[in-house]
Structure formats: structure tokens, C-alpha cells
């Protein structure tokens, strides 16, 4: 399903880059607030996408790996929860996603 929604290569590259930027942001110990909350949710989404993409490539091209139905369902649930969490983020912070500052999405 993700393949139909996003270009894998671009989304993977962007997610890897964003994970690095967000990790650097959190190393600076930013104050609690809406931007930090959104950044935490975005980090979860990016990490989840990277993991899902890596597992998809393994499942498609590494014939030495067997993927069970339980593992597949757990990965689907992980992706679903990550995106639900990001969608909840503006409500949790009391701000619309349009009202979030650029720093929340690009904290470097």
C-alpha cells in the first residue's frame, strides 16, 4: 500500500535524512512544547517508514529470509500506528498542522 502512496526511493531518502536531522535536534534537548511534540511524532513516522522499506526490500529480494504472517501483520500495525500518531499531533498540541512552524518539520 505504501508503494502506491509514495515513491519509495524519494520517501526513503527523505526519511533517512529527516531521522538524522531530528536526532540532532533532540540531542540539543529542546524545551517541551508543540514543536517538540510534532518533531517526536515526525521522528516516529520517519523511523517507521525506513524500517518498513528495509523489511519490504528484504522480503522482496532476500530469499534467505522467511517472513511470517505474524511479522507482516505487526509491520502493518506499526505503520498504521505511526501515521495515526502523526495525524493526532496537531490535536495534542492544540494547533492545526497548517499553523505549525517550519521549525517543527525542519528542526535544523
Protein backbone atom coordinates (compact mmCIF):
# COMPACT_ATOMS: atom_id res chain seq x y z
CA UNK A 1 0.00 0.00 0.00
CA UNK A 2 2.81 2.45 0.80
CA UNK A 3 4.18 1.90 -2.67
CA UNK A 4 1.01 3.30 -4.15
CA UNK A 5 1.10 6.36 -1.89
CA UNK A 6 4.77 7.33 -2.02
CA UNK A 7 7.74 6.97 -4.32
CA UNK A 8 9.85 4.52 -2.30
CA UNK A 9 13.24 5.92 -3.20
CA UNK A 10 12.40 9.56 -2.50
CA UNK A 11 10.45 8.79 0.64
CA UNK A 12 13.19 6.51 1.97
CA UNK A 13 15.93 9.06 1.26
CA UNK A 14 13.91 11.88 2.80
CA UNK A 15 13.08 9.77 5.85
CA UNK A 16 16.72 8.80 6.45
CA UNK A 17 17.76 12.45 6.16
CA UNK A 18 14.94 13.59 8.45
CA UNK A 19 15.78 10.95 11.09
CA UNK A 20 19.35 12.28 11.22
CA UNK A 21 18.15 15.89 11.48
CA UNK A 22 15.58 15.07 14.16
CA UNK A 23 18.11 13.07 16.18
CA UNK A 24 20.44 16.09 16.09
CA UNK A 25 17.52 18.31 17.17
CA UNK A 26 16.76 16.08 20.17
CA UNK A 27 20.44 15.93 21.20
CA UNK A 28 20.12 19.68 21.88
CA UNK A 29 17.39 18.85 24.43
CA UNK A 30 14.73 21.25 23.08
CA UNK A 31 12.11 22.55 25.51
CA UNK A 32 8.74 20.87 25.81
CA UNK A 33 6.15 22.38 23.56
CA UNK A 34 4.21 21.94 20.33
CA UNK A 35 7.28 21.91 18.09
CA UNK A 36 8.96 19.18 20.13
CA UNK A 37 5.74 17.14 20.16
CA UNK A 38 5.38 17.35 16.39
CA UNK A 39 9.07 16.56 15.94
CA UNK A 40 8.68 13.45 18.13
CA UNK A 41 5.75 12.26 16.04
CA UNK A 42 7.57 13.00 12.79
CA UNK A 43 10.60 11.05 14.02
CA UNK A 44 8.34 8.06 14.71
CA UNK A 45 6.83 8.25 11.22
CA UNK A 46 10.23 8.55 9.53
CA UNK A 47 11.82 5.72 11.52
CA UNK A 48 8.80 3.52 10.86
CA UNK A 49 8.93 4.20 7.12
CA UNK A 50 12.66 3.42 6.98
CA UNK A 51 12.12 0.16 8.84
CA UNK A 52 9.13 -0.82 6.70
CA UNK A 53 11.00 -0.07 3.48
CA UNK A 54 14.04 -2.06 4.61
CA UNK A 55 11.82 -5.01 5.52
CA UNK A 56 9.96 -4.77 2.22
CA UNK A 57 13.23 -4.88 0.28
CA UNK A 58 14.38 -7.87 2.36
CA UNK A 59 11.08 -9.66 1.77
CA UNK A 60 11.20 -8.98 -1.98
CA UNK A 61 14.87 -9.66 -2.69
CA UNK A 62 16.44 -11.72 0.10
CA UNK A 63 15.34 -15.28 -0.50
CA UNK A 64 17.09 -16.37 2.70
CA UNK A 65 14.56 -14.55 4.86
CA UNK A 66 11.18 -16.03 5.65
CA UNK A 67 8.53 -13.53 6.66
CA UNK A 68 5.69 -14.90 8.72
CA UNK A 69 2.12 -13.66 8.65
CA UNK A 70 2.56 -12.50 12.26
CA UNK A 71 5.61 -10.42 11.30
CA UNK A 72 3.76 -8.95 8.33
CA UNK A 73 0.75 -8.00 10.43
CA UNK A 74 2.99 -6.47 13.11
CA UNK A 75 4.72 -4.33 10.46
CA UNK A 76 1.38 -3.18 9.06
CA UNK A 77 0.23 -2.27 12.57
CA UNK A 78 3.47 -0.37 13.22
CA UNK A 79 3.00 1.74 10.08
CA UNK A 80 -0.68 2.32 10.85
CA UNK A 81 0.10 3.48 14.40
CA UNK A 82 2.91 5.77 13.27
CA UNK A 83 0.67 7.58 10.83
CA UNK A 84 -2.23 7.74 13.30
CA UNK A 85 0.15 9.27 15.83
CA UNK A 86 1.27 11.94 13.36
CA UNK A 87 -2.35 12.76 12.49
CA UNK A 88 -3.16 13.21 16.19
CA UNK A 89 -0.20 15.51 16.72
CA UNK A 90 -1.91 18.85 15.87
CA UNK A 91 -4.86 17.99 18.15
CA UNK A 92 -2.49 17.11 21.00
CA UNK A 93 -0.67 20.40 20.65
CA UNK A 94 -3.84 22.45 20.23
CA UNK A 95 -2.68 23.79 16.88
CA UNK A 96 -3.62 22.95 13.33
CA UNK A 97 -0.99 21.32 11.16
CA UNK A 98 -1.13 24.41 8.94
CA UNK A 99 -0.30 26.55 11.98
CA UNK A 100 2.81 24.64 12.99
CA UNK A 101 6.02 26.49 12.45
CA UNK A 102 8.52 25.38 9.87
CA UNK A 103 10.95 24.50 12.68
CA UNK A 104 8.72 21.65 13.79
CA UNK A 105 9.08 19.99 10.42
CA UNK A 106 12.62 21.13 9.73
CA UNK A 107 14.31 21.46 13.14
CA UNK A 108 17.83 22.14 11.96
